């Protein structure tokens, strides 16, 4: 067991170094949430109060921006795995005692660490914006957002693993962009779904993105009644994606 953990940690360290060398990691994972929060806050300030548009209020906006930022981790993961596969890096590693599950963990752990760092930056920025606009955010609620967003982070990482192992580094990014767009349009990030009905809302309820956003908003408000249902949906999707990624790794690599 100790030798296995050493192999996984060594591979995870290599993945982390690859992420740190990529400037897109800093642009999208750290810089992008800051820009989104600032731009959306300015938009919110321009909306008259009588419009009752609360979706851009900082307590609703911060968890949404975090989940949207997590979707870009899928793109990084897909690119990293597809390039490793194209360059036969993983094939060479398979002469080692590492199993497919070890490789999945080796990719997942460093990207999950990046997700937590991204969330910390997002919440810290939101706290500063709230202080500037005269609002208030509960630090305990911000910590709770990071905790309840772990299933969402794993979901997007899982999608990245699946796309990266099934498709080339030319095909995986466009497919990741489709999921990013779906999470944006069907996640209730920029619109209030509570006042909507019909097929669109049914689709939002079926997919995990809205549930990830709602769970984050409830955690920030320290309102945990019913949050379990949202986390269950996201976790079920996450488990399904990883269950698909495991045999894909076995077949393709």
C-alpha atoms as a PDB file:
ATOM      1  CA  UNK A   1       0.000   0.000   0.000  1.00  0.00           C
ATOM      2  CA  UNK A   2       2.820   2.389   0.857  1.00  0.00           C
ATOM      3  CA  UNK A   3       4.519   1.728  -2.491  1.00  0.00           C
ATOM      4  CA  UNK A   4       1.250   2.302  -4.331  1.00  0.00           C
ATOM      5  CA  UNK A   5       0.678   5.623  -2.580  1.00  0.00           C
ATOM      6  CA  UNK A   6       4.221   6.653  -3.467  1.00  0.00           C
ATOM      7  CA  UNK A   7       3.625   5.851  -7.148  1.00  0.00           C
ATOM      8  CA  UNK A   8       0.341   7.774  -7.190  1.00  0.00           C
ATOM      9  CA  UNK A   9       1.862  10.789  -5.430  1.00  0.00           C
ATOM     10  CA  UNK A  10       4.837  10.818  -7.800  1.00  0.00           C
ATOM     11  CA  UNK A  11       2.562  10.755 -10.842  1.00  0.00           C
ATOM     12  CA  UNK A  12       0.260  13.385  -9.286  1.00  0.00           C
ATOM     13  CA  UNK A  13       3.280  15.620  -8.693  1.00  0.00           C
ATOM     14  CA  UNK A  14       4.190  15.352 -12.360  1.00  0.00           C
ATOM     15  CA  UNK A  15       0.615  16.288 -13.356  1.00  0.00           C
ATOM     16  CA  UNK A  16       0.673  19.260 -10.987  1.00  0.00           C
ATOM     17  CA  UNK A  17       3.917  20.503 -12.534  1.00  0.00           C
ATOM     18  CA  UNK A  18       2.356  20.259 -15.988  1.00  0.00           C
ATOM     19  CA  UNK A  19      -0.614  22.318 -14.804  1.00  0.00           C
ATOM     20  CA  UNK A  20       1.625  24.942 -13.215  1.00  0.00           C
ATOM     21  CA  UNK A  21       3.644  25.260 -16.431  1.00  0.00           C
ATOM     22  CA  UNK A  22       0.505  25.963 -18.446  1.00  0.00           C
ATOM     23  CA  UNK A  23      -0.320  29.709 -18.431  1.00  0.00           C
ATOM     24  CA  UNK A  24      -3.961  28.888 -19.195  1.00  0.00           C
ATOM     25  CA  UNK A  25      -4.200  27.445 -15.692  1.00  0.00           C
ATOM     26  CA  UNK A  26      -3.605  30.896 -14.258  1.00  0.00           C
ATOM     27  CA  UNK A  27      -5.798  32.693 -16.794  1.00  0.00           C
ATOM     28  CA  UNK A  28      -8.894  30.499 -16.569  1.00  0.00           C
ATOM     29  CA  UNK A  29      -8.575  28.877 -13.152  1.00  0.00           C
ATOM     30  CA  UNK A  30      -7.535  31.974 -11.192  1.00  0.00           C
ATOM     31  CA  UNK A  31      -7.920  35.114 -13.303  1.00  0.00           C
ATOM     32  CA  UNK A  32     -11.186  34.274 -15.017  1.00  0.00           C
ATOM     33  CA  UNK A  33     -13.323  34.033 -11.826  1.00  0.00           C
ATOM     34  CA  UNK A  34     -12.031  37.425 -10.700  1.00  0.00           C
ATOM     35  CA  UNK A  35     -12.995  39.077 -13.978  1.00  0.00           C
ATOM     36  CA  UNK A  36     -16.407  37.374 -13.995  1.00  0.00           C
ATOM     37  CA  UNK A  37     -17.191  38.489 -10.459  1.00  0.00           C
ATOM     38  CA  UNK A  38     -16.203  42.082 -11.136  1.00  0.00           C
ATOM     39  CA  UNK A  39     -18.030  42.335 -14.473  1.00  0.00           C
ATOM     40  CA  UNK A  40     -21.211  40.710 -13.167  1.00  0.00           C
ATOM     41  CA  UNK A  41     -21.164  42.903 -10.067  1.00  0.00           C
ATOM     42  CA  UNK A  42     -20.931  46.005 -12.229  1.00  0.00           C
ATOM     43  CA  UNK A  43     -23.844  44.655 -14.249  1.00  0.00           C
ATOM     44  CA  UNK A  44     -25.828  44.084 -11.077  1.00  0.00           C
ATOM     45  CA  UNK A  45     -25.167  47.621  -9.901  1.00  0.00           C
ATOM     46  CA  UNK A  46     -26.610  48.971 -13.155  1.00  0.00           C
ATOM     47  CA  UNK A  47     -29.908  47.086 -12.715  1.00  0.00           C
ATOM     48  CA  UNK A  48     -32.586  49.147 -10.924  1.00  0.00           C
ATOM     49  CA  UNK A  49     -33.820  47.663  -7.601  1.00  0.00           C
ATOM     50  CA  UNK A  50     -37.429  47.554  -8.797  1.00  0.00           C
ATOM     51  CA  UNK A  51     -36.402  44.941 -11.378  1.00  0.00           C
ATOM     52  CA  UNK A  52     -35.851  42.505  -8.460  1.00  0.00           C
ATOM     53  CA  UNK A  53     -33.000  40.840 -10.349  1.00  0.00           C
ATOM     54  CA  UNK A  54     -31.191  39.001  -7.558  1.00  0.00           C
ATOM     55  CA  UNK A  55     -29.305  36.432  -9.615  1.00  0.00           C
ATOM     56  CA  UNK A  56     -26.335  38.804  -9.946  1.00  0.00           C
ATOM     57  CA  UNK A  57     -26.274  39.681  -6.261  1.00  0.00           C
ATOM     58  CA  UNK A  58     -22.924  38.675  -4.813  1.00  0.00           C
ATOM     59  CA  UNK A  59     -24.309  35.913  -2.577  1.00  0.00           C
ATOM     60  CA  UNK A  60     -25.955  34.276  -5.605  1.00  0.00           C
ATOM     61  CA  UNK A  61     -23.201  35.184  -8.035  1.00  0.00           C
ATOM     62  CA  UNK A  62     -20.147  33.862  -6.178  1.00  0.00           C
ATOM     63  CA  UNK A  63     -21.186  30.160  -6.092  1.00  0.00           C
ATOM     64  CA  UNK A  64     -22.337  30.351  -9.728  1.00  0.00           C
ATOM     65  CA  UNK A  65     -19.030  31.803 -10.898  1.00  0.00           C
ATOM     66  CA  UNK A  66     -17.160  29.151  -8.940  1.00  0.00           C
ATOM     67  CA  UNK A  67     -19.079  26.297 -10.579  1.00  0.00           C
ATOM     68  CA  UNK A  68     -18.633  27.905 -13.986  1.00  0.00           C
ATOM     69  CA  UNK A  69     -14.907  28.219 -13.312  1.00  0.00           C
ATOM     70  CA  UNK A  70     -14.767  24.540 -12.361  1.00  0.00           C
ATOM     71  CA  UNK A  71     -16.001  23.627 -15.818  1.00  0.00           C
ATOM     72  CA  UNK A  72     -12.743  24.906 -17.298  1.00  0.00           C
ATOM     73  CA  UNK A  73     -10.829  22.344 -15.245  1.00  0.00           C
ATOM     74  CA  UNK A  74     -12.452  19.773 -17.505  1.00  0.00           C
ATOM     75  CA  UNK A  75     -10.709  21.395 -20.466  1.00  0.00           C
ATOM     76  CA  UNK A  76      -7.296  21.303 -18.758  1.00  0.00           C
ATOM     77  CA  UNK A  77      -7.758  17.656 -17.782  1.00  0.00           C
ATOM     78  CA  UNK A  78      -8.919  16.602 -21.243  1.00  0.00           C
ATOM     79  CA  UNK A  79      -5.967  18.330 -22.907  1.00  0.00           C
ATOM     80  CA  UNK A  80      -3.460  16.838 -20.489  1.00  0.00           C
ATOM     81  CA  UNK A  81      -4.744  13.266 -20.812  1.00  0.00           C
ATOM     82  CA  UNK A  82      -5.174  13.421 -24.597  1.00  0.00           C
ATOM     83  CA  UNK A  83      -1.663  14.812 -25.092  1.00  0.00           C
ATOM     84  CA  UNK A  84      -0.170  12.164 -22.803  1.00  0.00           C
ATOM     85  CA  UNK A  85      -1.996   9.501 -24.780  1.00  0.00           C
ATOM     86  CA  UNK A  86      -1.019  10.967 -28.160  1.00  0.00           C
ATOM     87  CA  UNK A  87       2.633  11.179 -27.140  1.00  0.00           C
ATOM     88  CA  UNK A  88       2.511   7.598 -25.800  1.00  0.00           C
ATOM     89  CA  UNK A  89       3.565   8.857 -22.376  1.00  0.00           C
ATOM     90  CA  UNK A  90       0.992   6.698 -20.617  1.00  0.00           C
ATOM     91  CA  UNK A  91       1.815   3.673 -22.760  1.00  0.00           C
ATOM     92  CA  UNK A  92       5.425   3.875 -21.607  1.00  0.00           C
ATOM     93  CA  UNK A  93       4.278   4.162 -18.020  1.00  0.00           C
ATOM     94  CA  UNK A  94       2.275   0.979 -18.266  1.00  0.00           C
ATOM     95  CA  UNK A  95       5.462  -1.045 -17.921  1.00  0.00           C
ATOM     96  CA  UNK A  96       5.370   0.233 -14.329  1.00  0.00           C
ATOM     97  CA  UNK A  97       3.286  -1.478 -11.616  1.00  0.00           C
ATOM     98  CA  UNK A  98       0.697   1.340 -11.730  1.00  0.00           C
ATOM     99  CA  UNK A  99      -2.896   0.331 -12.435  1.00  0.00           C
ATOM    100  CA  UNK A 100      -5.497   2.276 -14.393  1.00  0.00           C
ATOM    101  CA  UNK A 101      -7.082   3.347 -11.122  1.00  0.00           C
ATOM    102  CA  UNK A 102      -3.702   4.712 -10.003  1.00  0.00           C
ATOM    103  CA  UNK A 103      -3.521   6.855 -13.138  1.00  0.00           C
ATOM    104  CA  UNK A 104      -7.073   8.135 -12.601  1.00  0.00           C
ATOM    105  CA  UNK A 105      -6.174   9.159  -9.063  1.00  0.00           C
ATOM    106  CA  UNK A 106      -2.899  10.655 -10.237  1.00  0.00           C
ATOM    107  CA  UNK A 107      -4.765  12.925 -12.639  1.00  0.00           C
ATOM    108  CA  UNK A 108      -7.664  13.694 -10.294  1.00  0.00           C
ATOM    109  CA  UNK A 109      -5.804  14.713  -7.146  1.00  0.00           C
ATOM    110  CA  UNK A 110      -3.762  17.674  -8.513  1.00  0.00           C
ATOM    111  CA  UNK A 111      -6.694  19.054 -10.519  1.00  0.00           C
ATOM    112  CA  UNK A 112      -8.873  18.802  -7.402  1.00  0.00           C
ATOM    113  CA  UNK A 113      -6.247  20.772  -5.490  1.00  0.00           C
ATOM    114  CA  UNK A 114      -6.382  23.404  -8.242  1.00  0.00           C
ATOM    115  CA  UNK A 115     -10.185  23.437  -7.877  1.00  0.00           C
ATOM    116  CA  UNK A 116      -9.924  24.179  -4.152  1.00  0.00           C
ATOM    117  CA  UNK A 117      -7.392  26.940  -4.858  1.00  0.00           C
ATOM    118  CA  UNK A 118      -9.713  28.355  -7.513  1.00  0.00           C
ATOM    119  CA  UNK A 119     -12.607  28.311  -5.038  1.00  0.00           C
ATOM    120  CA  UNK A 120     -10.531  30.016  -2.364  1.00  0.00           C
ATOM    121  CA  UNK A 121      -9.592  32.818  -4.757  1.00  0.00           C
ATOM    122  CA  UNK A 122     -13.194  33.169  -5.923  1.00  0.00           C
ATOM    123  CA  UNK A 123     -14.595  33.333  -2.390  1.00  0.00           C
ATOM    124  CA  UNK A 124     -11.899  35.758  -1.225  1.00  0.00           C
ATOM    125  CA  UNK A 125     -12.663  38.046  -4.168  1.00  0.00           C
ATOM    126  CA  UNK A 126     -16.394  37.784  -3.493  1.00  0.00           C
ATOM    127  CA  UNK A 127     -15.781  38.724   0.138  1.00  0.00           C
ATOM    128  CA  UNK A 128     -13.878  41.834  -0.949  1.00  0.00           C
ATOM    129  CA  UNK A 129     -16.600  42.787  -3.432  1.00  0.00           C
ATOM    130  CA  UNK A 130     -19.263  42.304  -0.766  1.00  0.00           C
ATOM    131  CA  UNK A 131     -17.395  44.618   1.582  1.00  0.00           C
ATOM    132  CA  UNK A 132     -17.079  47.218  -1.186  1.00  0.00           C
ATOM    133  CA  UNK A 133     -20.773  47.068  -2.150  1.00  0.00           C
ATOM    134  CA  UNK A 134     -21.995  47.073   1.441  1.00  0.00           C
ATOM    135  CA  UNK A 135     -23.160  43.454   1.433  1.00  0.00           C
ATOM    136  CA  UNK A 136     -21.937  40.737   3.765  1.00  0.00           C
ATOM    137  CA  UNK A 137     -20.838  37.157   3.273  1.00  0.00           C
ATOM    138  CA  UNK A 138     -20.499  34.606   6.047  1.00  0.00           C
ATOM    139  CA  UNK A 139     -16.931  33.171   6.152  1.00  0.00           C
ATOM    140  CA  UNK A 140     -18.350  29.871   7.399  1.00  0.00           C
ATOM    141  CA  UNK A 141     -20.685  29.843   4.413  1.00  0.00           C
ATOM    142  CA  UNK A 142     -17.788  30.453   2.031  1.00  0.00           C
ATOM    143  CA  UNK A 143     -15.928  27.498   3.535  1.00  0.00           C
ATOM    144  CA  UNK A 144     -19.092  25.424   3.152  1.00  0.00           C
ATOM    145  CA  UNK A 145     -19.227  26.317  -0.549  1.00  0.00           C
ATOM    146  CA  UNK A 146     -15.784  24.792  -1.045  1.00  0.00           C
ATOM    147  CA  UNK A 147     -16.878  21.618   0.735  1.00  0.00           C
ATOM    148  CA  UNK A 148     -20.168  21.068  -1.104  1.00  0.00           C
ATOM    149  CA  UNK A 149     -18.556  21.883  -4.469  1.00  0.00           C
ATOM    150  CA  UNK A 150     -16.166  18.911  -4.310  1.00  0.00           C
ATOM    151  CA  UNK A 151     -18.634  16.607  -6.134  1.00  0.00           C
ATOM    152  CA  UNK A 152     -19.022  19.245  -8.873  1.00  0.00           C
ATOM    153  CA  UNK A 153     -15.242  19.565  -9.188  1.00  0.00           C
ATOM    154  CA  UNK A 154     -14.910  15.790  -9.477  1.00  0.00           C
ATOM    155  CA  UNK A 155     -17.710  15.764 -12.060  1.00  0.00           C
ATOM    156  CA  UNK A 156     -15.890  18.142 -14.392  1.00  0.00           C
ATOM    157  CA  UNK A 157     -12.564  16.402 -13.806  1.00  0.00           C
ATOM    158  CA  UNK A 158     -14.255  13.110 -14.659  1.00  0.00           C
ATOM    159  CA  UNK A 159     -15.601  14.557 -17.897  1.00  0.00           C
ATOM    160  CA  UNK A 160     -12.080  15.739 -18.709  1.00  0.00           C
ATOM    161  CA  UNK A 161     -10.639  12.282 -18.059  1.00  0.00           C
ATOM    162  CA  UNK A 162     -13.309  10.668 -20.217  1.00  0.00           C
ATOM    163  CA  UNK A 163     -12.892  13.083 -23.128  1.00  0.00           C
ATOM    164  CA  UNK A 164      -9.110  12.983 -22.879  1.00  0.00           C
ATOM    165  CA  UNK A 165      -8.874   9.214 -23.053  1.00  0.00           C
ATOM    166  CA  UNK A 166     -11.488   8.791 -25.806  1.00  0.00           C
ATOM    167  CA  UNK A 167     -10.540  11.658 -28.105  1.00  0.00           C
ATOM    168  CA  UNK A 168      -7.455  13.400 -29.444  1.00  0.00           C
ATOM    169  CA  UNK A 169      -6.102  16.731 -28.259  1.00  0.00           C
ATOM    170  CA  UNK A 170      -7.808  18.265 -31.324  1.00  0.00           C
ATOM    171  CA  UNK A 171     -11.257  16.824 -30.605  1.00  0.00           C
ATOM    172  CA  UNK A 172     -11.395  16.861 -26.798  1.00  0.00           C
ATOM    173  CA  UNK A 173     -11.384  20.699 -26.389  1.00  0.00           C
ATOM    174  CA  UNK A 174     -14.479  21.282 -28.609  1.00  0.00           C
ATOM    175  CA  UNK A 175     -16.375  18.575 -26.718  1.00  0.00           C
ATOM    176  CA  UNK A 176     -15.345  20.168 -23.441  1.00  0.00           C
ATOM    177  CA  UNK A 177     -16.610  23.504 -24.754  1.00  0.00           C
ATOM    178  CA  UNK A 178     -20.019  21.925 -25.356  1.00  0.00           C
ATOM    179  CA  UNK A 179     -20.243  20.842 -21.716  1.00  0.00           C
ATOM    180  CA  UNK A 180     -19.015  24.270 -20.568  1.00  0.00           C
ATOM    181  CA  UNK A 181     -21.783  25.909 -22.608  1.00  0.00           C
ATOM    182  CA  UNK A 182     -24.389  23.496 -21.243  1.00  0.00           C
ATOM    183  CA  UNK A 183     -23.323  24.192 -17.676  1.00  0.00           C
ATOM    184  CA  UNK A 184     -23.587  27.925 -18.324  1.00  0.00           C
ATOM    185  CA  UNK A 185     -26.997  27.873 -20.038  1.00  0.00           C
ATOM    186  CA  UNK A 186     -28.647  25.105 -18.011  1.00  0.00           C
ATOM    187  CA  UNK A 187     -27.076  25.707 -14.623  1.00  0.00           C
ATOM    188  CA  UNK A 188     -29.184  28.674 -13.578  1.00  0.00           C
ATOM    189  CA  UNK A 189     -26.029  30.729 -13.207  1.00  0.00           C
ATOM    190  CA  UNK A 190     -27.184  33.822 -15.057  1.00  0.00           C
ATOM    191  CA  UNK A 191     -30.977  33.398 -14.851  1.00  0.00           C
ATOM    192  CA  UNK A 192     -33.503  32.691 -12.115  1.00  0.00           C
ATOM    193  CA  UNK A 193     -34.916  29.258 -12.890  1.00  0.00           C
ATOM    194  CA  UNK A 194     -37.314  29.357  -9.953  1.00  0.00           C
ATOM    195  CA  UNK A 195     -39.706  31.541 -11.957  1.00  0.00           C
ATOM    196  CA  UNK A 196     -39.521  29.378 -15.085  1.00  0.00           C
ATOM    197  CA  UNK A 197     -41.275  26.191 -16.147  1.00  0.00           C
ATOM    198  CA  UNK A 198     -41.474  23.810 -19.071  1.00  0.00           C
ATOM    199  CA  UNK A 199     -39.091  21.447 -20.820  1.00  0.00           C
ATOM    200  CA  UNK A 200     -36.072  23.689 -20.255  1.00  0.00           C
ATOM    201  CA  UNK A 201     -36.474  23.582 -16.480  1.00  0.00           C
ATOM    202  CA  UNK A 202     -37.065  19.811 -16.582  1.00  0.00           C
ATOM    203  CA  UNK A 203     -33.783  19.450 -18.461  1.00  0.00           C
ATOM    204  CA  UNK A 204     -32.024  21.660 -15.919  1.00  0.00           C
ATOM    205  CA  UNK A 205     -33.358  19.461 -13.120  1.00  0.00           C
ATOM    206  CA  UNK A 206     -32.163  16.325 -14.877  1.00  0.00           C
ATOM    207  CA  UNK A 207     -28.623  17.566 -15.491  1.00  0.00           C
ATOM    208  CA  UNK A 208     -26.218  18.140 -12.589  1.00  0.00           C
ATOM    209  CA  UNK A 209     -25.202  21.745 -13.267  1.00  0.00           C
ATOM    210  CA  UNK A 210     -28.175  23.501 -11.675  1.00  0.00           C
ATOM    211  CA  UNK A 211     -27.900  21.265  -8.631  1.00  0.00           C
ATOM    212  CA  UNK A 212     -24.220  22.146  -8.226  1.00  0.00           C
ATOM    213  CA  UNK A 213     -25.029  25.872  -8.344  1.00  0.00           C
ATOM    214  CA  UNK A 214     -28.001  25.568  -5.989  1.00  0.00           C
ATOM    215  CA  UNK A 215     -25.964  23.558  -3.502  1.00  0.00           C
ATOM    216  CA  UNK A 216     -23.284  26.254  -3.493  1.00  0.00           C
ATOM    217  CA  UNK A 217     -25.843  29.022  -2.975  1.00  0.00           C
ATOM    218  CA  UNK A 218     -27.509  27.167  -0.133  1.00  0.00           C
ATOM    219  CA  UNK A 219     -24.153  26.495   1.513  1.00  0.00           C
ATOM    220  CA  UNK A 220     -23.163  30.154   1.299  1.00  0.00           C
ATOM    221  CA  UNK A 221     -26.449  31.108   2.966  1.00  0.00           C
ATOM    222  CA  UNK A 222     -25.867  28.357   5.578  1.00  0.00           C
ATOM    223  CA  UNK A 223     -29.245  26.921   4.605  1.00  0.00           C
ATOM    224  CA  UNK A 224     -28.743  23.174   4.414  1.00  0.00           C
ATOM    225  CA  UNK A 225     -32.357  22.005   4.395  1.00  0.00           C
ATOM    226  CA  UNK A 226     -32.752  20.094   1.119  1.00  0.00           C
ATOM    227  CA  UNK A 227     -29.129  20.438   0.038  1.00  0.00           C
ATOM    228  CA  UNK A 228     -28.714  16.672   0.211  1.00  0.00           C
ATOM    229  CA  UNK A 229     -30.900  16.186  -2.851  1.00  0.00           C
ATOM    230  CA  UNK A 230     -28.741  18.540  -4.917  1.00  0.00           C
ATOM    231  CA  UNK A 231     -25.549  16.850  -3.779  1.00  0.00           C
ATOM    232  CA  UNK A 232     -27.038  13.415  -4.481  1.00  0.00           C
ATOM    233  CA  UNK A 233     -27.786  14.349  -8.103  1.00  0.00           C
ATOM    234  CA  UNK A 234     -24.302  15.769  -8.677  1.00  0.00           C
ATOM    235  CA  UNK A 235     -22.666  12.791  -6.960  1.00  0.00           C
ATOM    236  CA  UNK A 236     -24.692  10.319  -9.031  1.00  0.00           C
ATOM    237  CA  UNK A 237     -23.558  12.016 -12.243  1.00  0.00           C
ATOM    238  CA  UNK A 238     -19.975  12.073 -10.980  1.00  0.00           C
ATOM    239  CA  UNK A 239     -20.036   8.362 -10.175  1.00  0.00           C
ATOM    240  CA  UNK A 240     -21.509   7.596 -13.600  1.00  0.00           C
ATOM    241  CA  UNK A 241     -18.816   9.596 -15.409  1.00  0.00           C
ATOM    242  CA  UNK A 242     -15.995   7.899 -13.486  1.00  0.00           C
ATOM    243  CA  UNK A 243     -17.574   4.484 -14.081  1.00  0.00           C
ATOM    244  CA  UNK A 244     -17.378   5.273 -17.796  1.00  0.00           C
ATOM    245  CA  UNK A 245     -13.828   6.629 -17.538  1.00  0.00           C
ATOM    246  CA  UNK A 246     -12.432   3.500 -15.852  1.00  0.00           C
ATOM    247  CA  UNK A 247     -13.253   1.025 -18.665  1.00  0.00           C
ATOM    248  CA  UNK A 248     -12.303   3.686 -21.225  1.00  0.00           C
ATOM    249  CA  UNK A 249      -8.824   3.830 -19.695  1.00  0.00           C
ATOM    250  CA  UNK A 250      -8.614   0.047 -19.791  1.00  0.00           C
ATOM    251  CA  UNK A 251      -9.672  -0.156 -23.425  1.00  0.00           C
ATOM    252  CA  UNK A 252      -7.811   2.816 -24.892  1.00  0.00           C
ATOM    253  CA  UNK A 253      -4.551   2.567 -22.972  1.00  0.00           C
END
